[in-house]
Amino acid sequence: MSESALATCINAARAALGDSGEQQRLIKTLPRRGIRFVGAVREDGKSDESVAPEPRDRAGRELALPDRPSIAVLPFNNISSDPEQEYFADGMVEDIISGLSRIKWLFVIARNSSFVYKGRAVDVKQTGRELGVRYVLEGSVRKVGNRVRITAQLIEAETGAHIWAERYDRLLDDVFALQDDLTISVIGAIEPNLRKAETDRVKRKRPDNLDAYDLVLQALPFTYGHIAQDADRAMPLLERALALEPDYAAAHAALAWCYHFRFRRALGEDDRAGASRHARAAIAHGTDDPTALGIAGFVVAMDEHDHATALSVFDRALSLSNSNIFALNSSALVLALLGKSEFAAERARLATRLSPFDSMNYLAFNALAVTGFCAGQFEEAHEAARRSVQLNPRFYICHLFLVATLVGLGRSEEAARAARQVLALEPTFAISRFAVTVEFEATVFKPLAGAWSAAGLPK
């Protein structure tokens, strides 16, 4: 039984009893020993269990929120005249619940609890209180001819605020393939939106009331941009998180990333060693955390140049969650630099399709810029590089790939201006120095280096 599955069960038990991980009035965690029920027990006689309670039987009884962000996926409404779509909708919701359960930092209400609300008019705020969740996902299914339309919306239960909403139109050919496609799309969109909502929520909390999870959330915005100066702001928060929870894979992964940014800036061996140490710790402790594995694989590839291990870690992350944005983006860029263009482009396009507005997609667009440039598809490569720069204008590497695509298009004056922007962001940049922190396949590096040199970047 995995650690995350056990944690989910314990959190559910605590929530059902009105307990929490902070209070531990009834269920206590004994370090290095296990979990113990410490409440007084008495037998009140037999109850009639033959009749399932209505959800409203629990009105007035509010469950405590778990220690982690929590979500309930309610049954989708079938608003078409085709009763067969009922089974399709139910099956898709079950798959979404299963997929979300693989996200380690998320507490997901089980299917049997959320399906109690099937066929009922739902008050999202009341449902959130009854199930003890912070977020609710609801939706509908409508069949129109040979097409099916799915709508889904993610709501913050306490306020009723809409965090995300999307509509999907697909041909109703292979029902199971369609179900898989929609499930991956919904899960891929929900994770980054929940991550942003949780980060915004933690910003509103008092700084002296932060646990390890909150500290990591506060640090994450400073790790998204690959900027060394931002990493300096994130690292103290992550060190505090690890002081509270030494085996916290997400904190190790984020800290590995920060050390990687600093190593790329100054080429200090202490930073390279720190990146490697924390990446390996994230791999060791994050066996069921695809985000931590995705980040760790990236650092191992870049700073250790251990590509075999990195690719294995990426595969493990995507086997846990095939829609994880961090694993898709990180592996896409590494694969592109290793000359594995087909796999790189496939993962990059999937990342941008699943979460089109995710700030992390600059990595995917960089991968597409590299694969397009190497294939001589300079227009497509330039568009990808341009979008990468839009997403992360402070990251000089995004501008670096833009330089190469402009040279490929023969737009030498624009390439020279883009090269000057690279040097403005990274004054110490040199092509040979850059190759120290990014090990390319020779067939990838040679044409890129030639383009950078042609635009005036120092060798």
Protein backbone atom coordinates (compact mmCIF):
# COMPACT_ATOMS: atom_id res chain seq x y z
CA MET A 1 0.00 0.00 0.00
CA SER A 2 1.52 3.31 -1.07
CA GLU A 3 2.27 6.09 1.41
CA SER A 4 -0.08 8.48 -0.40
CA ALA A 5 -2.94 5.94 -0.32
CA LEU A 6 -2.44 5.46 3.42
CA ALA A 7 -2.37 9.24 3.94
CA THR A 8 -5.60 9.57 1.96
CA CYS A 9 -7.32 6.96 4.14
CA ILE A 10 -6.10 8.56 7.37
CA ASN A 11 -7.17 12.04 6.22
CA ALA A 12 -10.59 10.66 5.25
CA ALA A 13 -10.98 9.00 8.64
CA ARG A 14 -9.98 12.20 10.42
CA ALA A 15 -12.37 14.26 8.29
CA ALA A 16 -15.23 11.84 9.01
CA LEU A 17 -14.58 12.20 12.74
CA GLY A 18 -14.18 15.97 12.71
CA ASP A 19 -10.48 15.59 13.47
CA SER A 20 -7.48 17.02 11.60
CA GLY A 21 -3.75 16.47 11.18
CA GLU A 22 -3.05 19.54 13.30
CA GLN A 23 -5.39 18.65 16.21
CA GLN A 24 -5.01 14.84 16.21
CA ARG A 25 -7.61 14.53 18.97
CA LEU A 26 -8.76 11.07 17.91
CA ILE A 27 -6.21 9.76 15.40
CA LYS A 28 -2.59 10.38 16.33
CA THR A 29 0.50 10.00 14.20
CA LEU A 30 3.33 8.40 16.18
CA PRO A 31 6.64 9.21 14.43
CA ARG A 32 8.39 6.09 13.07
CA ARG A 33 5.73 3.87 14.63
CA GLY A 34 2.41 4.36 12.86
CA ILE A 35 -1.14 5.61 13.34
CA ARG A 36 -3.20 5.09 16.50
CA PHE A 37 -6.86 5.71 17.35
CA VAL A 38 -6.87 7.29 20.83
CA GLY A 39 -10.55 8.17 21.27
CA ALA A 40 -12.76 6.53 23.89
CA VAL A 41 -15.05 3.86 22.37
CA ARG A 42 -18.42 2.63 23.58
CA GLU A 43 -21.08 0.44 21.97
CA ASP A 44 -24.44 2.16 21.51
CA GLY A 45 -26.28 -0.79 20.01
CA LYS A 46 -27.00 -1.86 16.46
CA SER A 47 -28.00 0.65 13.81
CA ASP A 48 -30.05 0.04 10.71
CA GLU A 49 -27.47 0.01 7.91
CA SER A 50 -29.87 -1.19 5.25
CA VAL A 51 -30.84 2.32 4.19
CA ALA A 52 -28.19 4.70 2.84
CA PRO A 53 -28.48 8.16 4.36
CA GLU A 54 -29.46 11.11 2.22
CA PRO A 55 -26.74 13.72 1.87
CA ARG A 56 -28.98 16.22 3.63
CA ASP A 57 -29.08 13.93 6.69
CA ARG A 58 -25.64 15.38 7.37
CA ALA A 59 -26.77 19.00 7.13
CA GLY A 60 -25.30 21.08 9.91
CA ARG A 61 -22.40 18.66 10.34
CA GLU A 62 -19.36 20.26 8.76
CA LEU A 63 -16.25 18.19 8.22
CA ALA A 64 -12.84 19.64 8.91
CA LEU A 65 -10.75 20.32 5.81
CA PRO A 66 -7.80 17.93 5.32
CA ASP A 67 -4.21 19.14 5.62
CA ARG A 68 -3.84 19.13 1.82
CA PRO A 69 -6.04 20.73 -0.87
CA SER A 70 -9.16 18.63 -1.26
CA ILE A 71 -11.57 18.04 -4.15
CA ALA A 72 -14.81 16.19 -4.85
CA VAL A 73 -15.76 15.27 -8.42
CA LEU A 74 -19.54 15.22 -8.61
CA PRO A 75 -21.45 13.06 -11.13
CA PHE A 76 -21.78 14.88 -14.44
CA ASN A 77 -25.32 15.69 -15.52
CA ASN A 78 -26.62 13.95 -18.65
CA ILE A 79 -28.56 16.71 -20.41
CA SER A 80 -29.10 14.81 -23.67
CA SER A 81 -32.05 12.61 -24.50
CA ASP A 82 -29.80 9.57 -24.88
CA PRO A 83 -29.78 7.49 -21.67
CA GLU A 84 -26.62 5.67 -22.85
CA GLN A 85 -24.68 8.86 -22.22
CA GLU A 86 -25.39 8.33 -18.51
CA TYR A 87 -22.96 5.39 -18.47
CA PHE A 88 -20.44 7.34 -20.52
CA ALA A 89 -20.58 10.30 -18.12
CA ASP A 90 -20.32 8.09 -15.00
CA GLY A 91 -17.37 6.20 -16.43
CA MET A 92 -15.54 9.40 -17.27
CA VAL A 93 -16.09 10.82 -13.78
CA GLU A 94 -14.73 7.62 -12.24
CA ASP A 95 -11.64 7.90 -14.46
CA ILE A 96 -11.17 11.55 -13.47
CA ILE A 97 -11.37 10.61 -9.78
CA SER A 98 -8.84 7.84 -10.34
CA GLY A 99 -6.50 10.19 -12.23
CA LEU A 100 -6.70 12.96 -9.64
CA SER A 101 -5.98 10.42 -6.90
CA ARG A 102 -2.50 9.97 -8.41
CA ILE A 103 -1.64 13.61 -7.62
CA LYS A 104 0.16 13.18 -4.31
CA TRP A 105 -0.53 16.63 -2.90
CA LEU A 106 -4.29 16.38 -3.55
CA PHE A 107 -6.91 14.82 -1.25
CA VAL A 108 -9.67 13.31 -3.44
CA ILE A 109 -13.08 12.18 -2.19
CA ALA A 110 -13.83 8.60 -3.21
CA ARG A 111 -16.39 7.75 -5.87
CA ASN A 112 -18.91 6.21 -3.48
CA SER A 113 -19.15 9.43 -1.47
CA SER A 114 -19.39 11.86 -4.38
CA PHE A 115 -21.93 9.70 -6.29
CA VAL A 116 -24.38 10.05 -3.39
CA TYR A 117 -25.21 13.39 -5.04
CA LYS A 118 -26.14 11.85 -8.38
CA GLY A 119 -29.44 13.13 -9.73
CA ARG A 120 -29.78 15.81 -7.05
CA ALA A 121 -29.78 19.59 -7.19
CA VAL A 122 -26.48 20.55 -5.60
CA ASP A 123 -25.52 23.59 -3.57
CA VAL A 124 -21.75 23.66 -4.04
CA LYS A 125 -21.07 25.47 -0.77
CA GLN A 126 -23.18 22.99 1.20
CA THR A 127 -21.62 20.02 -0.60
CA GLY A 128 -18.15 21.31 0.20
CA ARG A 129 -19.06 21.49 3.89
CA GLU A 130 -20.67 18.04 3.89
CA LEU A 131 -17.73 16.35 2.18
CA GLY A 132 -15.04 18.46 3.83
CA VAL A 133 -13.45 19.68 0.58
CA ARG A 134 -12.13 23.01 -0.61
CA TYR A 135 -12.86 22.43 -4.32
CA VAL A 136 -15.68 20.84 -6.31
CA LEU A 137 -15.61 19.74 -9.95
CA GLU A 138 -18.95 19.48 -11.70
CA GLY A 139 -20.01 19.16 -15.32
CA SER A 140 -22.47 17.95 -17.91
CA VAL A 141 -22.66 15.70 -20.98
CA ARG A 142 -24.75 16.39 -24.08
CA LYS A 143 -24.94 14.31 -27.24
CA VAL A 144 -25.65 16.20 -30.49
CA GLY A 145 -25.81 13.87 -33.50
CA ASN A 146 -22.54 11.96 -33.65
CA ARG A 147 -20.80 14.49 -31.42
CA VAL A 148 -20.61 14.75 -27.67
CA ARG A 149 -20.12 17.96 -25.72
CA ILE A 150 -18.60 17.89 -22.24
CA THR A 151 -18.54 20.94 -19.99
CA ALA A 152 -16.60 21.02 -16.74
CA GLN A 153 -16.03 23.68 -14.12
CA LEU A 154 -13.85 23.81 -11.04
CA ILE A 155 -15.32 25.78 -8.13
CA GLU A 156 -13.96 26.89 -4.78
CA ALA A 157 -16.64 25.53 -2.47
CA GLU A 158 -16.39 28.09 0.33
CA THR A 159 -16.78 31.15 -1.89
CA GLY A 160 -18.49 29.66 -4.95
CA ALA A 161 -15.81 31.30 -7.13
CA HIS A 162 -15.09 29.67 -10.50
CA ILE A 163 -11.42 28.75 -10.84
CA TRP A 164 -11.54 27.08 -14.24
CA ALA A 165 -14.14 26.11 -16.85
CA GLU A 166 -13.83 24.42 -20.22
CA ARG A 167 -15.96 22.90 -22.97
CA TYR A 168 -14.88 19.90 -25.02
CA ASP A 169 -16.46 18.87 -28.34
CA ARG A 170 -15.51 15.46 -29.72
CA LEU A 171 -16.76 12.93 -32.28
CA LEU A 172 -18.52 9.99 -30.66
CA ASP A 173 -16.67 7.20 -32.52
CA ASP A 174 -14.73 4.99 -30.12
CA VAL A 175 -16.41 5.59 -26.75
CA PHE A 176 -13.50 4.30 -24.65
CA ALA A 177 -10.86 6.23 -26.59
CA LEU A 178 -13.04 9.34 -26.27
CA GLN A 179 -13.39 8.76 -22.53
CA ASP A 180 -9.61 8.47 -22.16
CA ASP A 181 -8.98 11.58 -24.25
CA LEU A 182 -11.40 13.72 -22.27
CA THR A 183 -10.19 12.38 -18.93
CA ILE A 184 -6.55 13.25 -19.73
CA SER A 185 -7.60 16.71 -20.92
CA VAL A 186 -9.61 17.49 -17.78
CA ILE A 187 -6.95 16.22 -15.35
CA GLY A 188 -4.19 18.02 -17.24
CA ALA A 189 -6.10 21.30 -16.95
CA ILE A 190 -7.18 20.90 -13.34
CA GLU A 191 -3.73 20.31 -11.77
CA PRO A 192 -2.08 23.63 -12.76
CA ASN A 193 -5.25 25.60 -12.01
CA LEU A 194 -5.49 24.05 -8.55
CA ARG A 195 -1.81 24.70 -8.01
CA LYS A 196 -2.31 28.39 -8.79
CA ALA A 197 -5.42 28.62 -6.60
CA GLU A 198 -3.57 27.03 -3.68
CA THR A 199 -0.60 29.36 -4.15
CA ASP A 200 -2.90 32.38 -4.11
CA ARG A 201 -4.63 31.06 -0.99
CA VAL A 202 -1.37 30.55 0.90
CA LYS A 203 -0.29 34.11 0.09
CA ARG A 204 -3.24 35.27 2.21
CA LYS A 205 -2.14 33.26 5.26
CA ARG A 206 -0.07 34.69 8.11
CA PRO A 207 3.67 34.08 7.53
CA ASP A 208 4.10 32.64 11.03
CA ASN A 209 1.38 30.04 10.43
CA LEU A 210 2.91 28.08 7.54
CA ASP A 211 3.56 24.33 7.49
CA ALA A 212 5.94 22.55 5.09
CA TYR A 213 3.33 22.33 2.34
CA ASP A 214 2.52 26.05 2.58
CA LEU A 215 6.22 26.95 2.50
CA VAL A 216 6.72 24.97 -0.70
CA LEU A 217 3.71 26.68 -2.28
CA GLN A 218 5.12 30.09 -1.36
CA ALA A 219 8.45 29.15 -2.94
CA LEU A 220 7.10 27.67 -6.19
CA PRO A 221 6.31 30.95 -8.02
CA PHE A 222 9.99 31.86 -7.68
CA THR A 223 11.06 28.58 -9.30
CA TYR A 224 8.88 28.68 -12.41
CA GLY A 225 11.02 31.16 -14.35
CA HIS A 226 14.45 29.48 -14.20
CA ILE A 227 15.86 32.78 -12.88
CA ALA A 228 18.79 32.57 -10.43
CA GLN A 229 17.81 35.75 -8.59
CA ASP A 230 14.32 34.33 -7.97
CA ALA A 231 15.87 31.09 -6.72
CA ASP A 232 17.65 33.06 -4.00
CA ARG A 233 14.21 34.08 -2.69
CA ALA A 234 12.78 30.55 -2.87
CA MET A 235 15.62 28.66 -1.21
CA PRO A 236 15.14 29.87 2.40
CA LEU A 237 11.46 28.88 2.23
CA LEU A 238 12.34 25.43 0.92
CA GLU A 239 15.03 24.94 3.56
CA ARG A 240 12.44 25.75 6.24
CA ALA A 241 10.07 23.20 4.70
CA LEU A 242 12.73 20.49 4.80
CA ALA A 243 13.56 21.36 8.40
CA LEU A 244 9.92 20.56 9.22
CA GLU A 245 9.67 17.53 6.91
CA PRO A 246 13.10 16.16 5.83
CA ASP A 247 11.68 13.58 3.40
CA TYR A 248 9.42 16.05 1.54
CA ALA A 249 10.04 15.16 -2.13
CA ALA A 250 8.41 18.32 -3.53
CA ALA A 251 10.70 20.54 -1.43
CA HIS A 252 13.79 18.56 -2.48
CA ALA A 253 12.79 18.82 -6.15
CA ALA A 254 12.18 22.57 -6.01
CA LEU A 255 15.46 23.10 -4.15
CA ALA A 256 17.30 21.01 -6.77
CA TRP A 257 15.87 23.31 -9.42
CA CYS A 258 17.04 26.40 -7.53
CA TYR A 259 20.58 25.06 -7.21
CA HIS A 260 20.49 24.28 -10.94
CA PHE A 261 19.61 27.92 -11.75
CA ARG A 262 22.49 29.13 -9.62
CA PHE A 263 24.93 26.64 -11.15
CA ARG A 264 23.98 27.78 -14.65
CA ARG A 265 24.70 31.39 -13.65
CA ALA A 266 28.09 30.99 -11.95
CA LEU A 267 29.20 27.39 -12.70
CA GLY A 268 29.93 26.84 -9.00
CA GLU A 269 30.60 23.21 -8.10
CA ASP A 270 28.82 23.65 -4.76
CA ASP A 271 25.65 24.58 -6.64
CA ARG A 272 26.00 21.61 -8.98
CA ALA A 273 26.48 19.30 -5.98
CA GLY A 274 23.44 20.82 -4.24
CA ALA A 275 21.32 20.34 -7.35
CA SER A 276 22.38 16.72 -7.66
CA ARG A 277 21.93 15.96 -3.95
CA HIS A 278 18.39 17.29 -3.76
CA ALA A 279 17.39 15.80 -7.13
CA ARG A 280 18.46 12.36 -5.93
CA ALA A 281 16.58 12.89 -2.66
CA ALA A 282 13.45 13.84 -4.63
CA ILE A 283 13.76 10.62 -6.65
CA ALA A 284 14.24 8.55 -3.49
CA HIS A 285 11.35 10.07 -1.55
CA GLY A 286 9.03 10.92 -4.45
CA THR A 287 8.31 7.49 -5.85
CA ASP A 288 4.61 8.40 -6.16
CA ASP A 289 5.02 12.13 -6.89
CA PRO A 290 5.17 12.75 -10.68
CA THR A 291 5.87 16.48 -10.30
CA ALA A 292 8.88 15.90 -8.06
CA LEU A 293 10.14 13.19 -10.40
CA GLY A 294 9.69 15.41 -13.46
CA ILE A 295 11.75 18.22 -11.94
CA ALA A 296 14.39 15.84 -10.57
CA GLY A 297 14.79 14.14 -13.95
CA PHE A 298 15.42 17.52 -15.57
CA VAL A 299 18.15 18.42 -13.05
CA VAL A 300 19.83 15.01 -13.32
CA ALA A 301 19.91 15.37 -17.12
CA MET A 302 21.25 18.93 -17.09
CA ASP A 303 23.69 18.97 -14.17
CA GLU A 304 24.82 15.34 -13.98
CA HIS A 305 24.43 14.57 -17.70
CA ASP A 306 23.06 11.17 -16.58
CA HIS A 307 20.57 10.88 -19.40
CA ALA A 308 19.69 7.22 -18.86
CA THR A 309 18.58 7.88 -15.29
CA ALA A 310 16.76 11.06 -16.29
CA LEU A 311 14.76 9.37 -19.04
CA SER A 312 13.89 6.50 -16.70
CA VAL A 313 12.67 8.99 -14.06
CA PHE A 314 10.56 10.82 -16.67
CA ASP A 315 8.96 7.53 -17.72
CA ARG A 316 8.18 6.70 -14.10
CA ALA A 317 6.60 10.13 -13.57
CA LEU A 318 4.40 9.80 -16.65
CA SER A 319 3.38 6.26 -15.71
CA LEU A 320 2.04 7.74 -12.46
CA SER A 321 0.25 10.62 -14.23
CA ASN A 322 0.38 10.81 -18.02
CA SER A 323 -0.91 14.39 -17.94
CA ASN A 324 1.58 15.84 -15.45
CA ILE A 325 2.67 19.21 -16.85
CA PHE A 326 6.06 19.29 -15.12
CA ALA A 327 7.04 15.83 -16.37
CA LEU A 328 5.80 16.53 -19.91
CA ASN A 329 7.52 19.91 -20.21
CA SER A 330 10.81 18.87 -18.60
CA SER A 331 11.15 15.66 -20.57
CA ALA A 332 10.18 17.35 -23.85
CA LEU A 333 13.09 19.80 -23.63
CA VAL A 334 15.61 17.15 -22.54
CA LEU A 335 14.52 14.86 -25.37
CA ALA A 336 14.81 17.71 -27.87
CA LEU A 337 18.39 18.48 -26.76
CA LEU A 338 19.25 14.78 -27.07
CA GLY A 339 18.00 14.74 -30.67
CA LYS A 340 14.95 12.59 -29.94
CA SER A 341 12.77 14.97 -31.91
CA GLU A 342 9.68 12.83 -32.43
CA PHE A 343 9.19 12.03 -28.73
CA ALA A 344 10.10 15.58 -27.73
CA ALA A 345 7.53 17.16 -30.05
CA GLU A 346 4.84 14.69 -28.99
CA ARG A 347 5.25 15.50 -25.30
CA ALA A 348 5.58 19.23 -25.90
CA ARG A 349 2.39 19.37 -27.97
CA LEU A 350 0.51 17.30 -25.38
CA ALA A 351 1.59 19.69 -22.61
CA THR A 352 0.43 22.76 -24.54
CA ARG A 353 -2.86 21.06 -25.45
CA LEU A 354 -3.68 19.86 -21.93
CA SER A 355 -2.91 23.18 -20.26
CA PRO A 356 -2.66 25.86 -22.97
CA PHE A 357 -2.23 28.77 -20.54
CA ASP A 358 0.27 27.16 -18.15
CA SER A 359 3.27 29.36 -17.43
CA MET A 360 5.54 26.30 -17.52
CA ASN A 361 4.88 25.79 -21.23
CA TYR A 362 7.88 27.92 -22.18
CA LEU A 363 9.84 24.67 -21.75
CA ALA A 364 7.56 22.90 -24.23
CA PHE A 365 7.83 25.77 -26.71
CA ASN A 366 11.62 25.73 -26.35
CA ALA A 367 11.53 22.02 -27.20
CA LEU A 368 9.39 22.71 -30.27
CA ALA A 369 11.75 25.55 -31.29
CA VAL A 370 14.72 23.14 -31.13
CA THR A 371 13.02 20.27 -32.98
CA GLY A 372 11.60 22.62 -35.63
CA PHE A 373 14.94 24.35 -36.16
CA CYS A 374 16.82 21.07 -36.54
CA ALA A 375 14.21 19.85 -39.04
CA GLY A 376 14.54 23.03 -41.11
CA GLN A 377 10.97 24.05 -40.26
CA PHE A 378 11.99 27.58 -39.38
CA GLU A 379 8.55 29.21 -39.46
CA GLU A 380 7.13 26.71 -36.97
CA ALA A 381 10.28 26.91 -34.87
CA HIS A 382 10.14 30.71 -34.81
CA GLU A 383 6.49 30.73 -33.71
CA ALA A 384 7.32 28.31 -30.86
CA ALA A 385 10.32 30.43 -29.78
CA ARG A 386 8.24 33.61 -29.93
CA ARG A 387 5.59 32.08 -27.67
CA SER A 388 8.29 30.87 -25.28
CA VAL A 389 9.63 34.43 -24.96
CA GLN A 390 6.10 35.71 -24.34
CA LEU A 391 5.65 33.25 -21.47
CA ASN A 392 9.05 33.89 -19.86
CA PRO A 393 10.62 37.11 -21.16
CA ARG A 394 13.23 37.23 -18.36
CA PHE A 395 14.75 33.83 -19.22
CA TYR A 396 17.63 34.37 -21.62
CA ILE A 397 17.47 30.81 -23.03
CA CYS A 398 14.04 31.53 -24.52
CA HIS A 399 15.61 34.48 -26.39
CA LEU A 400 18.55 32.24 -27.34
CA PHE A 401 16.35 29.85 -29.28
CA LEU A 402 14.55 32.82 -30.83
CA VAL A 403 17.95 34.02 -32.16
CA ALA A 404 18.53 30.67 -33.89
CA THR A 405 15.11 30.61 -35.57
CA LEU A 406 15.53 34.17 -36.85
CA VAL A 407 18.88 33.23 -38.38
CA GLY A 408 17.20 30.23 -39.95
CA LEU A 409 14.62 32.53 -41.53
CA GLY A 410 17.34 34.83 -42.84
CA ARG A 411 16.15 37.76 -40.67
CA SER A 412 19.67 38.77 -39.64
CA GLU A 413 18.91 42.23 -38.22
CA GLU A 414 16.19 40.84 -35.94
CA ALA A 415 18.49 37.98 -34.95
CA ALA A 416 21.19 40.48 -33.96
CA ARG A 417 18.70 42.43 -31.82
CA ALA A 418 17.56 39.20 -30.15
CA ALA A 419 21.22 38.30 -29.51
CA ARG A 420 21.76 41.65 -27.78
CA GLN A 421 18.76 40.87 -25.58
CA VAL A 422 20.38 37.55 -24.61
CA LEU A 423 23.50 39.40 -23.48
CA ALA A 424 21.44 42.02 -21.64
CA LEU A 425 19.79 39.25 -19.61
CA GLU A 426 22.96 37.13 -19.24
CA PRO A 427 26.09 39.29 -19.70
CA THR A 428 28.48 36.35 -19.17
CA PHE A 429 26.90 34.24 -21.93
CA ALA A 430 29.23 32.41 -24.29
CA ILE A 431 28.35 29.48 -26.53
CA SER A 432 31.03 27.17 -25.09
CA ARG A 433 30.12 28.17 -21.53
CA PHE A 434 26.46 27.43 -22.18
CA ALA A 435 27.36 23.92 -23.36
CA VAL A 436 28.81 23.17 -19.90
CA THR A 437 25.36 23.29 -18.29
CA VAL A 438 23.39 21.89 -21.25
CA GLU A 439 24.81 18.77 -22.88
CA PHE A 440 23.48 18.59 -26.44
CA GLU A 441 23.49 15.84 -29.00
CA ALA A 442 26.15 16.95 -31.52
CA THR A 443 23.69 17.02 -34.43
CA VAL A 444 21.52 19.41 -32.40
CA PHE A 445 24.26 21.61 -30.98
CA LYS A 446 26.27 22.23 -34.16
CA PRO A 447 23.52 23.99 -36.20
CA LEU A 448 22.31 25.95 -33.17
CA ALA A 449 25.84 27.08 -32.29
CA GLY A 450 26.39 28.11 -35.90
CA ALA A 451 23.24 30.23 -35.85
CA TRP A 452 24.17 31.88 -32.52
CA SER A 453 27.63 32.70 -33.78
CA ALA A 454 26.21 34.16 -37.01
CA ALA A 455 24.00 36.47 -34.93
CA GLY A 456 27.03 37.82 -33.08
CA LEU A 457 26.93 35.88 -29.81
CA PRO A 458 30.40 35.22 -28.36
CA LYS A 459 31.85 31.77 -28.88
